[in-house]
PDB file of all heavy atoms in Angstrom:
ATOM      1  N   LEU A   1      78.787   2.311 -16.537  1.00  0.00           N
ATOM      2  CA  LEU A   1      78.086   2.523 -15.273  1.00  0.00           C
ATOM      3  C   LEU A   1      76.632   2.104 -15.428  1.00  0.00           C
ATOM      4  O   LEU A   1      75.887   2.706 -16.205  1.00  0.00           O
ATOM      5  CB  LEU A   1      78.163   3.993 -14.861  1.00  0.00           C
ATOM      6  CG  LEU A   1      77.403   4.406 -13.603  1.00  0.00           C
ATOM      7  CD1 LEU A   1      77.870   3.610 -12.394  1.00  0.00           C
ATOM      8  CD2 LEU A   1      77.551   5.896 -13.353  1.00  0.00           C
ATOM      9  N   SER A   2      76.227   1.062 -14.706  1.00  0.00           N
ATOM     10  CA  SER A   2      74.841   0.605 -14.718  1.00  0.00           C
ATOM     11  C   SER A   2      74.162   1.029 -13.430  1.00  0.00           C
ATOM     12  O   SER A   2      74.772   1.023 -12.355  1.00  0.00           O
ATOM     13  CB  SER A   2      74.770  -0.921 -14.866  1.00  0.00           C
ATOM     14  OG  SER A   2      74.994  -1.313 -16.201  1.00  0.00           O
ATOM     15  N   PHE A   3      72.875   1.379 -13.546  1.00  0.00           N
ATOM     16  CA  PHE A   3      72.150   1.867 -12.382  1.00  0.00           C
ATOM     17  C   PHE A   3      70.650   1.637 -12.563  1.00  0.00           C
ATOM     18  O   PHE A   3      70.175   1.297 -13.655  1.00  0.00           O
ATOM     19  CB  PHE A   3      72.434   3.357 -12.152  1.00  0.00           C
ATOM     20  CG  PHE A   3      72.016   4.268 -13.278  1.00  0.00           C
ATOM     21  CD1 PHE A   3      70.785   4.917 -13.266  1.00  0.00           C
ATOM     22  CD2 PHE A   3      72.858   4.481 -14.362  1.00  0.00           C
ATOM     23  CE1 PHE A   3      70.404   5.764 -14.301  1.00  0.00           C
ATOM     24  CE2 PHE A   3      72.480   5.313 -15.416  1.00  0.00           C
ATOM     25  CZ  PHE A   3      71.256   5.958 -15.383  1.00  0.00           C
ATOM     26  N   ALA A   4      69.919   1.813 -11.482  1.00  0.00           N
ATOM     27  CA  ALA A   4      68.460   1.720 -11.509  1.00  0.00           C
ATOM     28  C   ALA A   4      67.889   2.904 -10.752  1.00  0.00           C
ATOM     29  O   ALA A   4      68.445   3.332  -9.733  1.00  0.00           O
ATOM     30  CB  ALA A   4      67.987   0.407 -10.893  1.00  0.00           C
ATOM     31  N   LEU A   5      66.794   3.450 -11.230  1.00  0.00           N
ATOM     32  CA  LEU A   5      66.064   4.537 -10.581  1.00  0.00           C
ATOM     33  C   LEU A   5      64.803   3.964  -9.965  1.00  0.00           C
ATOM     34  O   LEU A   5      63.956   3.410 -10.681  1.00  0.00           O
ATOM     35  CB  LEU A   5      65.729   5.632 -11.599  1.00  0.00           C
ATOM     36  CG  LEU A   5      64.913   6.836 -11.123  1.00  0.00           C
ATOM     37  CD1 LEU A   5      65.617   7.551  -9.971  1.00  0.00           C
ATOM     38  CD2 LEU A   5      64.668   7.800 -12.281  1.00  0.00           C
ATOM     39  N   GLU A   6      64.702   4.048  -8.678  1.00  0.00           N
ATOM     40  CA  GLU A   6      63.591   3.426  -7.956  1.00  0.00           C
ATOM     41  C   GLU A   6      62.242   3.902  -8.499  1.00  0.00           C
ATOM     42  O   GLU A   6      62.010   5.097  -8.676  1.00  0.00           O
ATOM     43  CB  GLU A   6      63.690   3.772  -6.465  1.00  0.00           C
ATOM     44  CG  GLU A   6      62.626   3.099  -5.608  1.00  0.00           C
ATOM     45  CD  GLU A   6      62.763   3.452  -4.141  1.00  0.00           C
ATOM     46  OE1 GLU A   6      63.840   3.929  -3.732  1.00  0.00           O
ATOM     47  OE2 GLU A   6      61.773   3.265  -3.401  1.00  0.00           O
ATOM     48  N   GLY A   7      61.358   2.944  -8.789  1.00  0.00           N
ATOM     49  CA  GLY A   7      60.010   3.260  -9.239  1.00  0.00           C
ATOM     50  C   GLY A   7      59.900   3.577 -10.713  1.00  0.00           C
ATOM     51  O   GLY A   7      58.799   3.879 -11.189  1.00  0.00           O
ATOM     52  N   VAL A   8      61.004   3.503 -11.451  1.00  0.00           N
ATOM     53  CA  VAL A   8      60.985   3.841 -12.877  1.00  0.00           C
ATOM     54  C   VAL A   8      61.659   2.716 -13.652  1.00  0.00           C
ATOM     55  O   VAL A   8      62.807   2.354 -13.360  1.00  0.00           O
ATOM     56  CB  VAL A   8      61.725   5.168 -13.154  1.00  0.00           C
ATOM     57  CG1 VAL A   8      61.680   5.500 -14.647  1.00  0.00           C
ATOM     58  CG2 VAL A   8      61.132   6.298 -12.336  1.00  0.00           C
ATOM     59  N   HIS A   9      60.954   2.152 -14.620  1.00  0.00           N
ATOM     60  CA  HIS A   9      61.575   1.123 -15.444  1.00  0.00           C
ATOM     61  C   HIS A   9      62.655   1.765 -16.305  1.00  0.00           C
ATOM     62  O   HIS A   9      62.478   2.896 -16.809  1.00  0.00           O
ATOM     63  CB  HIS A   9      60.534   0.439 -16.333  1.00  0.00           C
ATOM     64  CG  HIS A   9      61.027  -0.828 -16.962  1.00  0.00           C
ATOM     65  ND1 HIS A   9      61.866  -0.828 -18.060  1.00  0.00           N
ATOM     66  CD2 HIS A   9      60.830  -2.133 -16.630  1.00  0.00           C
ATOM     67  CE1 HIS A   9      62.154  -2.086 -18.392  1.00  0.00           C
ATOM     68  NE2 HIS A   9      61.541  -2.891 -17.535  1.00  0.00           N
ATOM     69  N   PRO A  10      63.786   1.073 -16.499  1.00  0.00           N
ATOM     70  CA  PRO A  10      64.856   1.648 -17.331  1.00  0.00           C
ATOM     71  C   PRO A  10      64.396   2.065 -18.723  1.00  0.00           C
ATOM     72  O   PRO A  10      64.917   3.044 -19.279  1.00  0.00           O
ATOM     73  CB  PRO A  10      65.881   0.519 -17.396  1.00  0.00           C
ATOM     74  CG  PRO A  10      65.701  -0.217 -16.111  1.00  0.00           C
ATOM     75  CD  PRO A  10      64.215  -0.187 -15.847  1.00  0.00           C
ATOM     76  N   HIS A  11      63.433   1.361 -19.301  1.00  0.00           N
ATOM     77  CA  HIS A  11      62.942   1.756 -20.622  1.00  0.00           C
ATOM     78  C   HIS A  11      62.271   3.126 -20.572  1.00  0.00           C
ATOM     79  O   HIS A  11      62.425   3.941 -21.493  1.00  0.00           O
ATOM     80  CB  HIS A  11      61.967   0.711 -21.162  1.00  0.00           C
ATOM     81  CG  HIS A  11      62.621  -0.568 -21.557  1.00  0.00           C
ATOM     82  ND1 HIS A  11      61.905  -1.732 -21.782  1.00  0.00           N
ATOM     83  CD2 HIS A  11      63.926  -0.898 -21.771  1.00  0.00           C
ATOM     84  CE1 HIS A  11      62.740  -2.706 -22.102  1.00  0.00           C
ATOM     85  NE2 HIS A  11      63.969  -2.220 -22.100  1.00  0.00           N
ATOM     86  N   ASP A  12      61.495   3.396 -19.506  1.00  0.00           N
ATOM     87  CA  ASP A  12      60.858   4.712 -19.361  1.00  0.00           C
ATOM     88  C   ASP A  12      61.918   5.792 -19.166  1.00  0.00           C
ATOM     89  O   ASP A  12      61.826   6.886 -19.737  1.00  0.00           O
ATOM     90  CB  ASP A  12      59.889   4.701 -18.175  1.00  0.00           C
ATOM     91  CG  ASP A  12      58.703   3.774 -18.403  1.00  0.00           C
ATOM     92  OD1 ASP A  12      58.249   3.675 -19.562  1.00  0.00           O
ATOM     93  OD2 ASP A  12      58.237   3.149 -17.435  1.00  0.00           O
ATOM     94  N   LEU A  13      62.926   5.484 -18.354  1.00  0.00           N
ATOM     95  CA  LEU A  13      64.014   6.439 -18.162  1.00  0.00           C
ATOM     96  C   LEU A  13      64.721   6.713 -19.479  1.00  0.00           C
ATOM     97  O   LEU A  13      64.994   7.872 -19.822  1.00  0.00           O
ATOM     98  CB  LEU A  13      65.003   5.895 -17.135  1.00  0.00           C
ATOM     99  CG  LEU A  13      66.278   6.706 -16.920  1.00  0.00           C
ATOM    100  CD1 LEU A  13      65.960   8.111 -16.426  1.00  0.00           C
ATOM    101  CD2 LEU A  13      67.218   5.997 -15.949  1.00  0.00           C
ATOM    102  N   GLY A  14      64.996   5.657 -20.240  1.00  0.00           N
ATOM    103  CA  GLY A  14      65.673   5.832 -21.509  1.00  0.00           C
ATOM    104  C   GLY A  14      64.880   6.675 -22.483  1.00  0.00           C
ATOM    105  O   GLY A  14      65.444   7.479 -23.237  1.00  0.00           O
ATOM    106  N   THR A  15      63.566   6.525 -22.465  1.00  0.00           N
ATOM    107  CA  THR A  15      62.702   7.303 -23.367  1.00  0.00           C
ATOM    108  C   THR A  15      62.736   8.776 -23.016  1.00  0.00           C
ATOM    109  O   THR A  15      62.836   9.646 -23.896  1.00  0.00           O
ATOM    110  CB  THR A  15      61.264   6.764 -23.303  1.00  0.00           C
ATOM    111  OG1 THR A  15      61.248   5.403 -23.736  1.00  0.00           O
ATOM    112  CG2 THR A  15      60.341   7.583 -24.197  1.00  0.00           C
ATOM    113  N   ILE A  16      62.652   9.086 -21.733  1.00  0.00           N
ATOM    114  CA  ILE A  16      62.681  10.491 -21.311  1.00  0.00           C
ATOM    115  C   ILE A  16      64.057  11.097 -21.560  1.00  0.00           C
ATOM    116  O   ILE A  16      64.172  12.247 -22.012  1.00  0.00           O
ATOM    117  CB  ILE A  16      62.278  10.606 -19.823  1.00  0.00           C
ATOM    118  CG1 ILE A  16      60.814  10.172 -19.659  1.00  0.00           C
ATOM    119  CG2 ILE A  16      62.472  12.032 -19.314  1.00  0.00           C
ATOM    120  CD1 ILE A  16      60.363  10.034 -18.227  1.00  0.00           C
ATOM    121  N   LEU A  17      65.109  10.337 -21.293  1.00  0.00           N
ATOM    122  CA  LEU A  17      66.448  10.835 -21.579  1.00  0.00           C
ATOM    123  C   LEU A  17      66.626  11.120 -23.067  1.00  0.00           C
ATOM    124  O   LEU A  17      67.290  12.094 -23.453  1.00  0.00           O
ATOM    125  CB  LEU A  17      67.496   9.829 -21.108  1.00  0.00           C
ATOM    126  CG  LEU A  17      67.727   9.755 -19.600  1.00  0.00           C
ATOM    127  CD1 LEU A  17      68.631   8.571 -19.258  1.00  0.00           C
ATOM    128  CD2 LEU A  17      68.341  11.035 -19.064  1.00  0.00           C
ATOM    129  N   ASP A  18      66.048  10.291 -23.916  1.00  0.00           N
ATOM    130  CA  ASP A  18      66.125  10.528 -25.354  1.00  0.00           C
ATOM    131  C   ASP A  18      65.509  11.870 -25.723  1.00  0.00           C
ATOM    132  O   ASP A  18      66.021  12.592 -26.588  1.00  0.00           O
ATOM    133  CB  ASP A  18      65.432   9.390 -26.104  1.00  0.00           C
ATOM    134  CG  ASP A  18      65.555   9.521 -27.609  1.00  0.00           C
ATOM    135  OD1 ASP A  18      66.652   9.858 -28.091  1.00  0.00           O
ATOM    136  OD2 ASP A  18      64.550   9.297 -28.310  1.00  0.00           O
ATOM    137  N   GLU A  19      64.414  12.225 -25.052  1.00  0.00           N
ATOM    138  CA  GLU A  19      63.790  13.532 -25.286  1.00  0.00           C
ATOM    139  C   GLU A  19      64.722  14.671 -24.896  1.00  0.00           C
ATOM    140  O   GLU A  19      64.604  15.788 -25.400  1.00  0.00           O
ATOM    141  CB  GLU A  19      62.481  13.636 -24.499  1.00  0.00           C
ATOM    142  CG  GLU A  19      61.405  12.655 -24.960  1.00  0.00           C
ATOM    143  CD  GLU A  19      60.195  12.646 -24.042  1.00  0.00           C
ATOM    144  OE1 GLU A  19      60.223  13.357 -23.012  1.00  0.00           O
ATOM    145  OE2 GLU A  19      59.220  11.922 -24.344  1.00  0.00           O
ATOM    146  N   GLU A  20      65.652  14.376 -23.989  1.00  0.00           N
ATOM    147  CA  GLU A  20      66.619  15.375 -23.534  1.00  0.00           C
ATOM    148  C   GLU A  20      67.923  15.321 -24.336  1.00  0.00           C
ATOM    149  O   GLU A  20      68.903  15.990 -23.993  1.00  0.00           O
ATOM    150  CB  GLU A  20      66.937  15.143 -22.049  1.00  0.00           C
ATOM    151  CG  GLU A  20      65.751  15.320 -21.126  1.00  0.00           C
ATOM    152  CD  GLU A  20      65.296  16.765 -21.067  1.00  0.00           C
ATOM    153  OE1 GLU A  20      66.165  17.653 -20.937  1.00  0.00           O
ATOM    154  OE2 GLU A  20      64.081  17.020 -21.165  1.00  0.00           O
ATOM    155  N   GLY A  21      67.934  14.499 -25.382  1.00  0.00           N
ATOM    156  CA  GLY A  21      69.125  14.400 -26.215  1.00  0.00           C
ATOM    157  C   GLY A  21      70.220  13.539 -25.637  1.00  0.00           C
ATOM    158  O   GLY A  21      71.398  13.694 -25.974  1.00  0.00           O
ATOM    159  N   VAL A  22      69.832  12.592 -24.752  1.00  0.00           N
ATOM    160  CA  VAL A  22      70.786  11.704 -24.113  1.00  0.00           C
ATOM    161  C   VAL A  22      70.467  10.262 -24.501  1.00  0.00           C
ATOM    162  O   VAL A  22      69.316   9.819 -24.353  1.00  0.00           O
ATOM    163  CB  VAL A  22      70.758  11.845 -22.579  1.00  0.00           C
ATOM    164  CG1 VAL A  22      71.773  10.903 -21.930  1.00  0.00           C
ATOM    165  CG2 VAL A  22      71.018  13.283 -22.162  1.00  0.00           C
ATOM    166  N   ALA A  23      71.460   9.549 -24.972  1.00  0.00           N
ATOM    167  CA  ALA A  23      71.261   8.157 -25.396  1.00  0.00           C
ATOM    168  C   ALA A  23      71.937   7.231 -24.404  1.00  0.00           C
ATOM    169  O   ALA A  23      73.164   7.269 -24.236  1.00  0.00           O
ATOM    170  CB  ALA A  23      71.840   7.937 -26.792  1.00  0.00           C
ATOM    171  N   ILE A  24      71.149   6.407 -23.701  1.00  0.00           N
ATOM    172  CA  ILE A  24      71.685   5.354 -22.850  1.00  0.00           C
ATOM    173  C   ILE A  24      71.124   4.022 -23.325  1.00  0.00           C
ATOM    174  O   ILE A  24      70.244   3.972 -24.185  1.00  0.00           O
ATOM    175  CB  ILE A  24      71.322   5.557 -21.362  1.00  0.00           C
ATOM    176  CG1 ILE A  24      69.802   5.452 -21.164  1.00  0.00           C
ATOM    177  CG2 ILE A  24      71.869   6.862 -20.829  1.00  0.00           C
ATOM    178  CD1 ILE A  24      69.372   5.246 -19.742  1.00  0.00           C
ATOM    179  N   ARG A  25      71.605   2.943 -22.757  1.00  0.00           N
ATOM    180  CA  ARG A  25      71.062   1.611 -23.016  1.00  0.00           C
ATOM    181  C   ARG A  25      70.164   1.239 -21.858  1.00  0.00           C
ATOM    182  O   ARG A  25      70.502   1.483 -20.696  1.00  0.00           O
ATOM    183  CB  ARG A  25      72.200   0.604 -23.153  1.00  0.00           C
ATOM    184  CG  ARG A  25      71.798  -0.845 -23.389  1.00  0.00           C
ATOM    185  CD  ARG A  25      71.152  -1.102 -24.718  1.00  0.00           C
ATOM    186  NE  ARG A  25      71.788  -0.451 -25.843  1.00  0.00           N
ATOM    187  CZ  ARG A  25      71.559  -0.780 -27.107  1.00  0.00           C
ATOM    188  NH1 ARG A  25      70.731  -1.756 -27.411  1.00  0.00           N
ATOM    189  NH2 ARG A  25      72.148  -0.128 -28.083  1.00  0.00           N
ATOM    190  N   ALA A  26      69.012   0.686 -22.149  1.00  0.00           N
ATOM    191  CA  ALA A  26      68.081   0.251 -21.111  1.00  0.00           C
ATOM    192  C   ALA A  26      67.612  -1.156 -21.446  1.00  0.00           C
ATOM    193  O   ALA A  26      67.090  -1.403 -22.529  1.00  0.00           O
ATOM    194  CB  ALA A  26      66.892   1.198 -21.029  1.00  0.00           C
ATOM    195  N   GLY A  27      67.823  -2.096 -20.521  1.00  0.00           N
ATOM    196  CA  GLY A  27      67.402  -3.468 -20.772  1.00  0.00           C
ATOM    197  C   GLY A  27      68.272  -4.446 -20.015  1.00  0.00           C
ATOM    198  O   GLY A  27      68.900  -4.098 -19.017  1.00  0.00           O
ATOM    199  N   HIS A  28      68.320  -5.684 -20.531  1.00  0.00           N
ATOM    200  CA  HIS A  28      69.116  -6.701 -19.842  1.00  0.00           C
ATOM    201  C   HIS A  28      70.529  -6.819 -20.416  1.00  0.00           C
ATOM    202  O   HIS A  28      71.338  -7.575 -19.891  1.00  0.00           O
ATOM    203  CB  HIS A  28      68.415  -8.055 -19.872  1.00  0.00           C
ATOM    204  CG  HIS A  28      68.046  -8.553 -21.245  1.00  0.00           C
ATOM    205  ND1 HIS A  28      68.985  -8.883 -22.187  1.00  0.00           N
ATOM    206  CD2 HIS A  28      66.835  -8.789 -21.810  1.00  0.00           C
ATOM    207  CE1 HIS A  28      68.380  -9.317 -23.292  1.00  0.00           C
ATOM    208  NE2 HIS A  28      67.071  -9.258 -23.091  1.00  0.00           N
ATOM    209  N   HIS A  29      70.815  -6.077 -21.489  1.00  0.00           N
ATOM    210  CA  HIS A  29      72.167  -5.982 -22.036  1.00  0.00           C
ATOM    211  C   HIS A  29      72.724  -7.349 -22.455  1.00  0.00           C
ATOM    212  O   HIS A  29      73.934  -7.591 -22.375  1.00  0.00           O
ATOM    213  CB  HIS A  29      73.118  -5.322 -21.038  1.00  0.00           C
ATOM    214  CG  HIS A  29      72.533  -4.121 -20.358  1.00  0.00           C
ATOM    215  ND1 HIS A  29      72.172  -2.983 -21.047  1.00  0.00           N
ATOM    216  CD2 HIS A  29      72.200  -3.898 -19.053  1.00  0.00           C
ATOM    217  CE1 HIS A  29      71.659  -2.103 -20.199  1.00  0.00           C
ATOM    218  NE2 HIS A  29      71.655  -2.643 -18.986  1.00  0.00           N
ATOM    219  N   CYS A  30      71.857  -8.237 -22.905  1.00  0.00           N
ATOM    220  CA  CYS A  30      72.268  -9.596 -23.286  1.00  0.00           C
ATOM    221  C   CYS A  30      72.988 -10.281 -22.134  1.00  0.00           C
ATOM    222  O   CYS A  30      73.988 -10.988 -22.330  1.00  0.00           O
ATOM    223  CB  CYS A  30      73.141  -9.586 -24.530  1.00  0.00           C
ATOM    224  SG  CYS A  30      72.280  -9.043 -26.017  1.00  0.00           S
ATOM    225  N   ALA A  31      72.473 -10.055 -20.923  1.00  0.00           N
ATOM    226  CA  ALA A  31      73.062 -10.664 -19.726  1.00  0.00           C
ATOM    227  C   ALA A  31      71.940 -10.973 -18.736  1.00  0.00           C
ATOM    228  O   ALA A  31      71.969 -10.540 -17.581  1.00  0.00           O
ATOM    229  CB  ALA A  31      74.097  -9.741 -19.111  1.00  0.00           C
TER     230      ALA A  31
END
């Protein structure tokens, strides 16, 4: 499941999620 959060870069979202113990991928995914 890929998604975007308006006004937030996926890298920033990924960093905050990491602080919450959640690991996602953020970037262009080699695509």
